[in-house]
């Protein structure tokens, strides 16, 4: 934002989903819509790929409300963290079927 640090985020692939990690905004930039814009773009990218996005936030954190506004639901909670997921609107395409294996050939010893 005008050359000033606004924040950072990491999206780490993990199996058939991605982990949203290290999502931080400078305090003076919070509430400007930057976080929502970044999160929306990341979710759209993962949605096109058919991948879920997972995150964990601290209990009572404003990050939980941000995630919930963007469709995340709670998967699990512990005394410190809330584990959330945003499922893709369309599942990932199935893997193509394996090519058929040729039938084994038997040799009878005759020519």
PDB file of N, CA and C in Angstrom:
ATOM      1  N   UNK A   1       0.847  -1.168   0.000  1.00  0.00           N
ATOM      2  CA  UNK A   1       0.000   0.000   0.000  1.00  0.00           C
ATOM      3  C   UNK A   1       0.894   1.233   0.000  1.00  0.00           C
ATOM      4  N   UNK A   2       1.130   1.762  -1.172  1.00  0.00           N
ATOM      5  CA  UNK A   2       1.980   2.929  -1.265  1.00  0.00           C
ATOM      6  C   UNK A   2       3.414   2.649  -0.858  1.00  0.00           C
ATOM      7  N   UNK A   3       3.866   1.403  -1.014  1.00  0.00           N
ATOM      8  CA  UNK A   3       5.218   1.037  -0.644  1.00  0.00           C
ATOM      9  C   UNK A   3       5.376   0.637   0.802  1.00  0.00           C
ATOM     10  N   UNK A   4       4.319   0.775   1.606  1.00  0.00           N
ATOM     11  CA  UNK A   4       4.390   0.399   3.023  1.00  0.00           C
ATOM     12  C   UNK A   4       3.958  -1.054   3.193  1.00  0.00           C
ATOM     13  N   UNK A   5       4.534  -1.711   4.183  1.00  0.00           N
ATOM     14  CA  UNK A   5       4.170  -3.095   4.501  1.00  0.00           C
ATOM     15  C   UNK A   5       2.705  -3.140   4.935  1.00  0.00           C
ATOM     16  N   UNK A   6       1.929  -4.008   4.304  1.00  0.00           N
ATOM     17  CA  UNK A   6       0.527  -4.169   4.676  1.00  0.00           C
ATOM     18  C   UNK A   6       0.293  -5.499   5.371  1.00  0.00           C
ATOM     19  N   UNK A   7       1.051  -6.534   5.020  1.00  0.00           N
ATOM     20  CA  UNK A   7       0.846  -7.828   5.643  1.00  0.00           C
ATOM     21  C   UNK A   7       1.485  -8.938   4.845  1.00  0.00           C
ATOM     22  N   UNK A   8       1.177 -10.158   5.249  1.00  0.00           N
ATOM     23  CA  UNK A   8       1.720 -11.328   4.562  1.00  0.00           C
ATOM     24  C   UNK A   8       0.777 -12.508   4.765  1.00  0.00           C
ATOM     25  N   UNK A   9       0.951 -13.514   3.926  1.00  0.00           N
ATOM     26  CA  UNK A   9       0.158 -14.736   4.019  1.00  0.00           C
ATOM     27  C   UNK A   9       0.923 -15.844   3.302  1.00  0.00           C
ATOM     28  N   UNK A  10       0.702 -17.076   3.738  1.00  0.00           N
ATOM     29  CA  UNK A  10       1.271 -18.246   3.066  1.00  0.00           C
ATOM     30  C   UNK A  10       0.147 -19.240   2.821  1.00  0.00           C
ATOM     31  N   UNK A  11       0.181 -19.882   1.675  1.00  0.00           N
ATOM     32  CA  UNK A  11      -0.776 -20.925   1.330  1.00  0.00           C
ATOM     33  C   UNK A  11       0.049 -22.162   1.003  1.00  0.00           C
ATOM     34  N   UNK A  12      -0.017 -23.161   1.887  1.00  0.00           N
ATOM     35  CA  UNK A  12       0.848 -24.345   1.770  1.00  0.00           C
ATOM     36  C   UNK A  12       0.039 -25.551   1.302  1.00  0.00           C
ATOM     37  N   UNK A  13       0.406 -26.161   0.158  1.00  0.00           N
ATOM     38  CA  UNK A  13      -0.277 -27.378  -0.278  1.00  0.00           C
ATOM     39  C   UNK A  13      -0.048 -28.507   0.719  1.00  0.00           C
ATOM     40  N   UNK A  14      -1.100 -29.270   0.971  1.00  0.00           N
ATOM     41  CA  UNK A  14      -1.015 -30.413   1.892  1.00  0.00           C
ATOM     42  C   UNK A  14      -2.015 -31.465   1.442  1.00  0.00           C
ATOM     43  N   UNK A  15      -1.564 -32.411   0.643  1.00  0.00           N
ATOM     44  CA  UNK A  15      -2.464 -33.452   0.145  1.00  0.00           C
ATOM     45  C   UNK A  15      -3.482 -32.852  -0.809  1.00  0.00           C
ATOM     46  N   UNK A  16      -4.770 -33.098  -0.541  1.00  0.00           N
ATOM     47  CA  UNK A  16      -5.824 -32.588  -1.421  1.00  0.00           C
ATOM     48  C   UNK A  16      -6.367 -31.244  -0.953  1.00  0.00           C
ATOM     49  N   UNK A  17      -5.676 -30.589  -0.033  1.00  0.00           N
ATOM     50  CA  UNK A  17      -6.112 -29.279   0.451  1.00  0.00           C
ATOM     51  C   UNK A  17      -4.904 -28.352   0.558  1.00  0.00           C
ATOM     52  N   UNK A  18      -5.145 -27.152   1.026  1.00  0.00           N
ATOM     53  CA  UNK A  18      -4.090 -26.167   1.269  1.00  0.00           C
ATOM     54  C   UNK A  18      -4.275 -25.611   2.674  1.00  0.00           C
ATOM     55  N   UNK A  19      -3.183 -25.291   3.333  1.00  0.00           N
ATOM     56  CA  UNK A  19      -3.222 -24.651   4.650  1.00  0.00           C
ATOM     57  C   UNK A  19      -2.943 -23.166   4.489  1.00  0.00           C
ATOM     58  N   UNK A  20      -3.853 -22.355   4.994  1.00  0.00           N
ATOM     59  CA  UNK A  20      -3.685 -20.911   5.051  1.00  0.00           C
ATOM     60  C   UNK A  20      -2.926 -20.612   6.339  1.00  0.00           C
ATOM     61  N   UNK A  21      -1.730 -20.059   6.196  1.00  0.00           N
ATOM     62  CA  UNK A  21      -0.865 -19.853   7.363  1.00  0.00           C
ATOM     63  C   UNK A  21      -0.267 -18.452   7.346  1.00  0.00           C
ATOM     64  N   UNK A  22       0.140 -18.002   8.504  1.00  0.00           N
ATOM     65  CA  UNK A  22       0.878 -16.738   8.653  1.00  0.00           C
ATOM     66  C   UNK A  22       0.158 -15.579   7.970  1.00  0.00           C
ATOM     67  N   UNK A  23      -1.144 -15.477   8.205  1.00  0.00           N
ATOM     68  CA  UNK A  23      -1.954 -14.414   7.609  1.00  0.00           C
ATOM     69  C   UNK A  23      -1.975 -13.247   8.591  1.00  0.00           C
ATOM     70  N   UNK A  24      -1.156 -12.260   8.312  1.00  0.00           N
ATOM     71  CA  UNK A  24      -1.035 -11.108   9.207  1.00  0.00           C
ATOM     72  C   UNK A  24      -1.238  -9.820   8.424  1.00  0.00           C
ATOM     73  N   UNK A  25      -1.925  -8.872   9.041  1.00  0.00           N
ATOM     74  CA  UNK A  25      -2.057  -7.528   8.487  1.00  0.00           C
ATOM     75  C   UNK A  25      -1.542  -6.537   9.510  1.00  0.00           C
ATOM     76  N   UNK A  26      -0.874  -5.503   9.023  1.00  0.00           N
ATOM     77  CA  UNK A  26      -0.424  -4.441   9.921  1.00  0.00           C
ATOM     78  C   UNK A  26      -1.660  -3.854  10.607  1.00  0.00           C
ATOM     79  N   UNK A  27      -1.597  -3.594  11.899  1.00  0.00           N
ATOM     80  CA  UNK A  27      -2.770  -3.096  12.630  1.00  0.00           C
ATOM     81  C   UNK A  27      -3.435  -1.889  11.971  1.00  0.00           C
ATOM     82  N   UNK A  28      -2.651  -0.984  11.428  1.00  0.00           N
ATOM     83  CA  UNK A  28      -3.247   0.212  10.813  1.00  0.00           C
ATOM     84  C   UNK A  28      -3.950  -0.098   9.493  1.00  0.00           C
ATOM     85  N   UNK A  29      -3.750  -1.304   8.936  1.00  0.00           N
ATOM     86  CA  UNK A  29      -4.404  -1.710   7.685  1.00  0.00           C
ATOM     87  C   UNK A  29      -5.613  -2.605   7.928  1.00  0.00           C
ATOM     88  N   UNK A  30      -5.809  -3.053   9.153  1.00  0.00           N
ATOM     89  CA  UNK A  30      -6.949  -3.913   9.466  1.00  0.00           C
ATOM     90  C   UNK A  30      -8.237  -3.099   9.364  1.00  0.00           C
ATOM     91  N   UNK A  31      -9.269  -3.725   8.819  1.00  0.00           N
ATOM     92  CA  UNK A  31     -10.554  -3.060   8.641  1.00  0.00           C
ATOM     93  C   UNK A  31     -10.674  -2.313   7.325  1.00  0.00           C
ATOM     94  N   UNK A  32      -9.631  -2.334   6.498  1.00  0.00           N
ATOM     95  CA  UNK A  32      -9.655  -1.654   5.196  1.00  0.00           C
ATOM     96  C   UNK A  32     -10.164  -2.550   4.073  1.00  0.00           C
ATOM     97  N   UNK A  33     -10.444  -3.823   4.361  1.00  0.00           N
ATOM     98  CA  UNK A  33     -10.889  -4.752   3.329  1.00  0.00           C
ATOM     99  C   UNK A  33      -9.757  -5.496   2.650  1.00  0.00           C
ATOM    100  N   UNK A  34      -8.527  -5.221   3.051  1.00  0.00           N
ATOM    101  CA  UNK A  34      -7.383  -5.895   2.426  1.00  0.00           C
ATOM    102  C   UNK A  34      -7.419  -7.391   2.727  1.00  0.00           C
ATOM    103  N   UNK A  35      -7.627  -7.742   3.982  1.00  0.00           N
ATOM    104  CA  UNK A  35      -7.669  -9.154   4.368  1.00  0.00           C
ATOM    105  C   UNK A  35      -8.757  -9.907   3.629  1.00  0.00           C
ATOM    106  N   UNK A  36      -9.948  -9.298   3.528  1.00  0.00           N
ATOM    107  CA  UNK A  36     -11.047  -9.945   2.798  1.00  0.00           C
ATOM    108  C   UNK A  36     -10.705 -10.121   1.332  1.00  0.00           C
ATOM    109  N   UNK A  37     -10.088  -9.115   0.734  1.00  0.00           N
ATOM    110  CA  UNK A  37      -9.721  -9.214  -0.678  1.00  0.00           C
ATOM    111  C   UNK A  37      -8.697 -10.303  -0.937  1.00  0.00           C
ATOM    112  N   UNK A  38      -7.690 -10.369  -0.086  1.00  0.00           N
ATOM    113  CA  UNK A  38      -6.660 -11.400  -0.233  1.00  0.00           C
ATOM    114  C   UNK A  38      -7.264 -12.781  -0.011  1.00  0.00           C
ATOM    115  N   UNK A  39      -8.057 -12.926   1.045  1.00  0.00           N
ATOM    116  CA  UNK A  39      -8.662 -14.225   1.349  1.00  0.00           C
ATOM    117  C   UNK A  39      -9.598 -14.661   0.229  1.00  0.00           C
ATOM    118  N   UNK A  40     -10.399 -13.735  -0.281  1.00  0.00           N
ATOM    119  CA  UNK A  40     -11.316 -14.065  -1.378  1.00  0.00           C
ATOM    120  C   UNK A  40     -10.534 -14.560  -2.596  1.00  0.00           C
ATOM    121  N   UNK A  41      -9.438 -13.896  -2.944  1.00  0.00           N
ATOM    122  CA  UNK A  41      -8.633 -14.313  -4.104  1.00  0.00           C
ATOM    123  C   UNK A  41      -8.029 -15.700  -3.896  1.00  0.00           C
ATOM    124  N   UNK A  42      -7.514 -15.964  -2.698  1.00  0.00           N
ATOM    125  CA  UNK A  42      -6.935 -17.287  -2.419  1.00  0.00           C
ATOM    126  C   UNK A  42      -7.997 -18.378  -2.470  1.00  0.00           C
ATOM    127  N   UNK A  43      -9.168 -18.104  -1.893  1.00  0.00           N
ATOM    128  CA  UNK A  43     -10.242 -19.103  -1.901  1.00  0.00           C
ATOM    129  C   UNK A  43     -10.732 -19.375  -3.318  1.00  0.00           C
ATOM    130  N   UNK A  44     -10.832 -18.333  -4.141  1.00  0.00           N
ATOM    131  CA  UNK A  44     -11.259 -18.533  -5.534  1.00  0.00           C
ATOM    132  C   UNK A  44     -10.253 -19.400  -6.284  1.00  0.00           C
ATOM    133  N   UNK A  45      -8.984 -19.159  -6.063  1.00  0.00           N
ATOM    134  CA  UNK A  45      -7.936 -19.955  -6.717  1.00  0.00           C
ATOM    135  C   UNK A  45      -8.039 -21.425  -6.315  1.00  0.00           C
ATOM    136  N   UNK A  46      -8.196 -21.671  -5.024  1.00  0.00           N
ATOM    137  CA  UNK A  46      -8.301 -23.058  -4.549  1.00  0.00           C
ATOM    138  C   UNK A  46      -9.609 -23.692  -4.993  1.00  0.00           C
ATOM    139  N   UNK A  47     -10.675 -22.899  -5.055  1.00  0.00           N
ATOM    140  CA  UNK A  47     -11.964 -23.413  -5.498  1.00  0.00           C
ATOM    141  C   UNK A  47     -11.875 -23.887  -6.949  1.00  0.00           C
ATOM    142  N   UNK A  48     -11.218 -23.115  -7.796  1.00  0.00           N
ATOM    143  CA  UNK A  48     -11.048 -23.529  -9.204  1.00  0.00           C
ATOM    144  C   UNK A  48     -10.282 -24.838  -9.304  1.00  0.00           C
ATOM    145  N   UNK A  49      -9.368 -25.062  -8.372  1.00  0.00           N
ATOM    146  CA  UNK A  49      -8.585 -26.304  -8.362  1.00  0.00           C
ATOM    147  C   UNK A  49      -9.320 -27.434  -7.647  1.00  0.00           C
ATOM    148  N   UNK A  50     -10.474 -27.129  -7.039  1.00  0.00           N
ATOM    149  CA  UNK A  50     -11.226 -28.149  -6.312  1.00  0.00           C
ATOM    150  C   UNK A  50     -10.593 -28.525  -4.987  1.00  0.00           C
ATOM    151  N   UNK A  51      -9.795 -27.632  -4.408  1.00  0.00           N
ATOM    152  CA  UNK A  51      -9.081 -27.933  -3.162  1.00  0.00           C
ATOM    153  C   UNK A  51      -9.700 -27.205  -1.977  1.00  0.00           C
ATOM    154  N   UNK A  52      -9.827 -27.902  -0.865  1.00  0.00           N
ATOM    155  CA  UNK A  52     -10.271 -27.282   0.381  1.00  0.00           C
ATOM    156  C   UNK A  52      -9.138 -26.420   0.933  1.00  0.00           C
ATOM    157  N   UNK A  53      -9.501 -25.445   1.754  1.00  0.00           N
ATOM    158  CA  UNK A  53      -8.516 -24.606   2.436  1.00  0.00           C
ATOM    159  C   UNK A  53      -8.733 -24.774   3.929  1.00  0.00           C
ATOM    160  N   UNK A  54      -7.657 -25.060   4.646  1.00  0.00           N
ATOM    161  CA  UNK A  54      -7.722 -25.241   6.097  1.00  0.00           C
ATOM    162  C   UNK A  54      -6.910 -24.151   6.784  1.00  0.00           C
ATOM    163  N   UNK A  55      -7.330 -23.825   7.997  1.00  0.00           N
ATOM    164  CA  UNK A  55      -6.607 -22.837   8.785  1.00  0.00           C
ATOM    165  C   UNK A  55      -6.867 -23.109  10.251  1.00  0.00           C
ATOM    166  N   UNK A  56      -5.980 -22.642  11.090  1.00  0.00           N
ATOM    167  CA  UNK A  56      -6.287 -22.649  12.511  1.00  0.00           C
ATOM    168  C   UNK A  56      -6.047 -21.243  13.032  1.00  0.00           C
ATOM    169  N   UNK A  57      -6.968 -20.801  13.874  1.00  0.00           N
ATOM    170  CA  UNK A  57      -6.917 -19.460  14.453  1.00  0.00           C
ATOM    171  C   UNK A  57      -7.021 -19.591  15.965  1.00  0.00           C
ATOM    172  N   UNK A  58      -6.558 -18.582  16.659  1.00  0.00           N
ATOM    173  CA  UNK A  58      -6.677 -18.585  18.115  1.00  0.00           C
ATOM    174  C   UNK A  58      -8.128 -18.380  18.515  1.00  0.00           C
ATOM    175  N   UNK A  59      -8.549 -19.075  19.561  1.00  0.00           N
ATOM    176  CA  UNK A  59      -9.905 -18.877  20.080  1.00  0.00           C
ATOM    177  C   UNK A  59     -10.075 -17.410  20.447  1.00  0.00           C
ATOM    178  N   UNK A  60     -11.210 -16.849  20.101  1.00  0.00           N
ATOM    179  CA  UNK A  60     -11.498 -15.460  20.421  1.00  0.00           C
ATOM    180  C   UNK A  60     -10.855 -14.449  19.487  1.00  0.00           C
ATOM    181  N   UNK A  61     -10.135 -14.922  18.486  1.00  0.00           N
ATOM    182  CA  UNK A  61      -9.442 -14.035  17.555  1.00  0.00           C
ATOM    183  C   UNK A  61     -10.410 -13.466  16.517  1.00  0.00           C
ATOM    184  N   UNK A  62     -10.215 -12.210  16.106  1.00  0.00           N
ATOM    185  CA  UNK A  62     -11.016 -11.667  15.003  1.00  0.00           C
ATOM    186  C   UNK A  62     -10.823 -12.458  13.707  1.00  0.00           C
ATOM    187  N   UNK A  63      -9.714 -13.194  13.600  1.00  0.00           N
ATOM    188  CA  UNK A  63      -9.473 -14.012  12.403  1.00  0.00           C
ATOM    189  C   UNK A  63     -10.568 -15.058  12.227  1.00  0.00           C
ATOM    190  N   UNK A  64     -11.124 -15.551  13.323  1.00  0.00           N
ATOM    191  CA  UNK A  64     -12.202 -16.542  13.211  1.00  0.00           C
ATOM    192  C   UNK A  64     -13.407 -15.923  12.514  1.00  0.00           C
ATOM    193  N   UNK A  65     -13.766 -14.713  12.896  1.00  0.00           N
ATOM    194  CA  UNK A  65     -14.916 -14.059  12.262  1.00  0.00           C
ATOM    195  C   UNK A  65     -14.646 -13.797  10.779  1.00  0.00           C
ATOM    196  N   UNK A  66     -13.421 -13.406  10.455  1.00  0.00           N
ATOM    197  CA  UNK A  66     -13.061 -13.196   9.050  1.00  0.00           C
ATOM    198  C   UNK A  66     -13.238 -14.490   8.267  1.00  0.00           C
ATOM    199  N   UNK A  67     -12.711 -15.577   8.794  1.00  0.00           N
ATOM    200  CA  UNK A  67     -12.834 -16.873   8.111  1.00  0.00           C
ATOM    201  C   UNK A  67     -14.293 -17.292   7.972  1.00  0.00           C
ATOM    202  N   UNK A  68     -15.081 -17.120   9.029  1.00  0.00           N
ATOM    203  CA  UNK A  68     -16.498 -17.501   8.969  1.00  0.00           C
ATOM    204  C   UNK A  68     -17.246 -16.668   7.929  1.00  0.00           C
ATOM    205  N   UNK A  69     -16.927 -15.382   7.817  1.00  0.00           N
ATOM    206  CA  UNK A  69     -17.577 -14.533   6.804  1.00  0.00           C
ATOM    207  C   UNK A  69     -17.277 -15.027   5.394  1.00  0.00           C
ATOM    208  N   UNK A  70     -16.178 -15.727   5.235  1.00  0.00           N
ATOM    209  CA  UNK A  70     -15.785 -16.231   3.917  1.00  0.00           C
ATOM    210  C   UNK A  70     -16.073 -17.720   3.752  1.00  0.00           C
ATOM    211  N   UNK A  71     -16.947 -18.254   4.586  1.00  0.00           N
ATOM    212  CA  UNK A  71     -17.439 -19.617   4.384  1.00  0.00           C
ATOM    213  C   UNK A  71     -16.720 -20.721   5.120  1.00  0.00           C
ATOM    214  N   UNK A  72     -15.732 -20.404   5.940  1.00  0.00           N
ATOM    215  CA  UNK A  72     -15.063 -21.446   6.718  1.00  0.00           C
ATOM    216  C   UNK A  72     -16.011 -21.971   7.792  1.00  0.00           C
ATOM    217  N   UNK A  73     -15.897 -23.252   8.084  1.00  0.00           N
ATOM    218  CA  UNK A  73     -16.637 -23.867   9.187  1.00  0.00           C
ATOM    219  C   UNK A  73     -15.636 -24.518  10.137  1.00  0.00           C
ATOM    220  N   UNK A  74     -16.080 -24.723  11.361  1.00  0.00           N
ATOM    221  CA  UNK A  74     -15.209 -25.298  12.384  1.00  0.00           C
ATOM    222  C   UNK A  74     -15.145 -26.806  12.205  1.00  0.00           C
ATOM    223  N   UNK A  75     -13.929 -27.336  12.144  1.00  0.00           N
ATOM    224  CA  UNK A  75     -13.709 -28.789  12.110  1.00  0.00           C
ATOM    225  C   UNK A  75     -13.457 -29.319  13.509  1.00  0.00           C
ATOM    226  N   UNK A  76     -12.699 -28.577  14.300  1.00  0.00           N
ATOM    227  CA  UNK A  76     -12.343 -29.020  15.656  1.00  0.00           C
ATOM    228  C   UNK A  76     -11.862 -27.809  16.451  1.00  0.00           C
ATOM    229  N   UNK A  77     -11.889 -27.954  17.765  1.00  0.00           N
ATOM    230  CA  UNK A  77     -11.379 -26.914  18.660  1.00  0.00           C
ATOM    231  C   UNK A  77     -10.603 -27.580  19.778  1.00  0.00           C
ATOM    232  N   UNK A  78      -9.623 -26.867  20.286  1.00  0.00           N
ATOM    233  CA  UNK A  78      -8.950 -27.292  21.507  1.00  0.00           C
ATOM    234  C   UNK A  78      -8.908 -26.064  22.421  1.00  0.00           C
ATOM    235  N   UNK A  79      -8.291 -26.144  23.580  1.00  0.00           N
ATOM    236  CA  UNK A  79      -8.318 -24.989  24.486  1.00  0.00           C
ATOM    237  C   UNK A  79      -7.676 -23.719  23.910  1.00  0.00           C
ATOM    238  N   UNK A  80      -6.859 -23.837  22.879  1.00  0.00           N
ATOM    239  CA  UNK A  80      -6.161 -22.674  22.333  1.00  0.00           C
ATOM    240  C   UNK A  80      -6.612 -22.333  20.915  1.00  0.00           C
ATOM    241  N   UNK A  81      -6.744 -23.342  20.059  1.00  0.00           N
ATOM    242  CA  UNK A  81      -6.976 -23.129  18.633  1.00  0.00           C
ATOM    243  C   UNK A  81      -8.350 -23.588  18.174  1.00  0.00           C
ATOM    244  N   UNK A  82      -8.790 -22.978  17.071  1.00  0.00           N
ATOM    245  CA  UNK A  82      -9.986 -23.398  16.344  1.00  0.00           C
ATOM    246  C   UNK A  82      -9.504 -23.804  14.951  1.00  0.00           C
ATOM    247  N   UNK A  83      -9.786 -25.033  14.558  1.00  0.00           N
ATOM    248  CA  UNK A  83      -9.373 -25.566  13.259  1.00  0.00           C
ATOM    249  C   UNK A  83     -10.558 -25.446  12.308  1.00  0.00           C
ATOM    250  N   UNK A  84     -10.333 -24.769  11.182  1.00  0.00           N
ATOM    251  CA  UNK A  84     -11.428 -24.434  10.273  1.00  0.00           C
ATOM    252  C   UNK A  84     -11.122 -24.937   8.865  1.00  0.00           C
ATOM    253  N   UNK A  85     -12.196 -25.074   8.077  1.00  0.00           N
ATOM    254  CA  UNK A  85     -12.040 -25.515   6.692  1.00  0.00           C
ATOM    255  C   UNK A  85     -13.035 -24.772   5.813  1.00  0.00           C
ATOM    256  N   UNK A  86     -12.614 -24.498   4.600  1.00  0.00           N
ATOM    257  CA  UNK A  86     -13.485 -23.986   3.551  1.00  0.00           C
ATOM    258  C   UNK A  86     -13.451 -25.018   2.432  1.00  0.00           C
ATOM    259  N   UNK A  87     -14.573 -25.684   2.239  1.00  0.00           N
ATOM    260  CA  UNK A  87     -14.651 -26.722   1.199  1.00  0.00           C
ATOM    261  C   UNK A  87     -14.865 -26.057  -0.158  1.00  0.00           C
ATOM    262  N   UNK A  88     -14.327 -26.639  -1.212  1.00  0.00           N
ATOM    263  CA  UNK A  88     -14.546 -26.061  -2.542  1.00  0.00           C
ATOM    264  C   UNK A  88     -16.006 -26.218  -2.949  1.00  0.00           C
ATOM    265  N   UNK A  89     -16.480 -25.285  -3.787  1.00  0.00           N
ATOM    266  CA  UNK A  89     -17.867 -25.391  -4.242  1.00  0.00           C
ATOM    267  C   UNK A  89     -18.030 -26.541  -5.227  1.00  0.00           C
ATOM    268  N   UNK A  90     -16.941 -26.925  -5.842  1.00  0.00           N
ATOM    269  CA  UNK A  90     -16.978 -28.109  -6.712  1.00  0.00           C
ATOM    270  C   UNK A  90     -15.783 -28.978  -6.344  1.00  0.00           C
ATOM    271  N   UNK A  91     -16.002 -30.258  -6.209  1.00  0.00           N
ATOM    272  CA  UNK A  91     -14.890 -31.138  -5.837  1.00  0.00           C
ATOM    273  C   UNK A  91     -13.861 -31.220  -6.951  1.00  0.00           C
ATOM    274  N   UNK A  92     -12.680 -31.628  -6.577  1.00  0.00           N
ATOM    275  CA  UNK A  92     -11.631 -31.779  -7.581  1.00  0.00           C
ATOM    276  C   UNK A  92     -12.037 -32.865  -8.567  1.00  0.00           C
ATOM    277  N   UNK A  93     -11.617 -32.719  -9.815  1.00  0.00           N
ATOM    278  CA  UNK A  93     -11.981 -33.736 -10.800  1.00  0.00           C
ATOM    279  C   UNK A  93     -11.370 -35.073 -10.421  1.00  0.00           C
ATOM    280  N   UNK A  94     -12.084 -36.151 -10.720  1.00  0.00           N
ATOM    281  CA  UNK A  94     -11.534 -37.459 -10.382  1.00  0.00           C
ATOM    282  C   UNK A  94     -10.286 -37.741 -11.199  1.00  0.00           C
ATOM    283  N   UNK A  95      -9.461 -38.579 -10.656  1.00  0.00           N
ATOM    284  CA  UNK A  95      -8.267 -38.997 -11.388  1.00  0.00           C
ATOM    285  C   UNK A  95      -8.707 -39.803 -12.597  1.00  0.00           C
ATOM    286  N   UNK A  96      -7.995 -39.680 -13.704  1.00  0.00           N
ATOM    287  CA  UNK A  96      -8.369 -40.490 -14.862  1.00  0.00           C
ATOM    288  C   UNK A  96      -8.170 -41.962 -14.539  1.00  0.00           C
ATOM    289  N   UNK A  97      -8.986 -42.812 -15.142  1.00  0.00           N
ATOM    290  CA  UNK A  97      -8.834 -44.239 -14.861  1.00  0.00           C
ATOM    291  C   UNK A  97      -7.473 -44.736 -15.321  1.00  0.00           C
ATOM    292  N   UNK A  98      -7.000 -45.722 -14.624  1.00  0.00           N
ATOM    293  CA  UNK A  98      -5.725 -46.331 -15.010  1.00  0.00           C
ATOM    294  C   UNK A  98      -5.899 -47.024 -16.350  1.00  0.00           C
ATOM    295  N   UNK A  99      -4.861 -46.998 -17.176  1.00  0.00           N
ATOM    296  CA  UNK A  99      -4.982 -47.703 -18.455  1.00  0.00           C
ATOM    297  C   UNK A  99      -5.125 -49.196 -18.195  1.00  0.00           C
ATOM    298  N   UNK A 100      -5.877 -49.884 -19.058  1.00  0.00           N
ATOM    299  CA  UNK A 100      -6.032 -51.329 -18.851  1.00  0.00           C
ATOM    300  C   UNK A 100      -4.687 -52.030 -19.014  1.00  0.00           C
ATOM    301  N   UNK A 101      -4.483 -52.999 -18.183  1.00  0.00           N
ATOM    302  CA  UNK A 101      -3.256 -53.787 -18.256  1.00  0.00           C
ATOM    303  C   UNK A 101      -3.474 -54.926 -19.245  1.00  0.00           C
ATOM    304  N   UNK A 102      -2.490 -55.191 -20.082  1.00  0.00           N
ATOM    305  CA  UNK A 102      -2.663 -56.304 -21.021  1.00  0.00           C
ATOM    306  C   UNK A 102      -2.757 -57.619 -20.251  1.00  0.00           C
ATOM    307  N   UNK A 103      -3.542 -58.509 -20.791  1.00  0.00           N
ATOM    308  CA  UNK A 103      -3.679 -59.827 -20.155  1.00  0.00           C
ATOM    309  C   UNK A 103      -2.344 -60.547 -20.220  1.00  0.00           C
ATOM    310  N   UNK A 104      -1.992 -61.259 -19.169  1.00  0.00           N
ATOM    311  CA  UNK A 104      -0.721 -61.986 -19.206  1.00  0.00           C
ATOM    312  C   UNK A 104      -0.757 -63.040 -20.311  1.00  0.00           C
ATOM    313  N   UNK A 105       0.359 -63.233 -20.930  1.00  0.00           N
ATOM    314  CA  UNK A 105       0.453 -64.236 -21.992  1.00  0.00           C
ATOM    315  C   UNK A 105       1.049 -65.503 -21.403  1.00  0.00           C
ATOM    316  N   UNK A 106       0.465 -66.593 -21.795  1.00  0.00           N
ATOM    317  CA  UNK A 106       0.965 -67.889 -21.324  1.00  0.00           C
ATOM    318  C   UNK A 106       1.850 -68.494 -22.406  1.00  0.00           C
ATOM    319  N   UNK A 107       2.877 -69.132 -21.973  1.00  0.00           N
ATOM    320  CA  UNK A 107       3.739 -69.863 -22.911  1.00  0.00           C
ATOM    321  C   UNK A 107       3.524 -71.342 -22.663  1.00  0.00           C
ATOM    322  N   UNK A 108       3.284 -72.014 -23.717  1.00  0.00           N
ATOM    323  CA  UNK A 108       3.058 -73.452 -23.592  1.00  0.00           C
ATOM    324  C   UNK A 108       4.315 -74.246 -23.892  1.00  0.00           C
ATOM    325  N   UNK A 109       5.322 -73.615 -24.390  1.00  0.00           N
ATOM    326  CA  UNK A 109       6.531 -74.330 -24.763  1.00  0.00           C
ATOM    327  C   UNK A 109       6.477 -74.795 -26.202  1.00  0.00           C
ATOM    328  N   UNK A 110       5.326 -74.646 -26.860  1.00  0.00           N
ATOM    329  CA  UNK A 110       5.197 -75.026 -28.262  1.00  0.00           C
ATOM    330  C   UNK A 110       5.523 -73.829 -29.133  1.00  0.00           C
ATOM    331  N   UNK A 111       6.020 -74.088 -30.301  1.00  0.00           N
ATOM    332  CA  UNK A 111       6.313 -73.021 -31.254  1.00  0.00           C
ATOM    333  C   UNK A 111       5.465 -73.118 -32.470  1.00  0.00           C
TER     334      UNK A 111
END
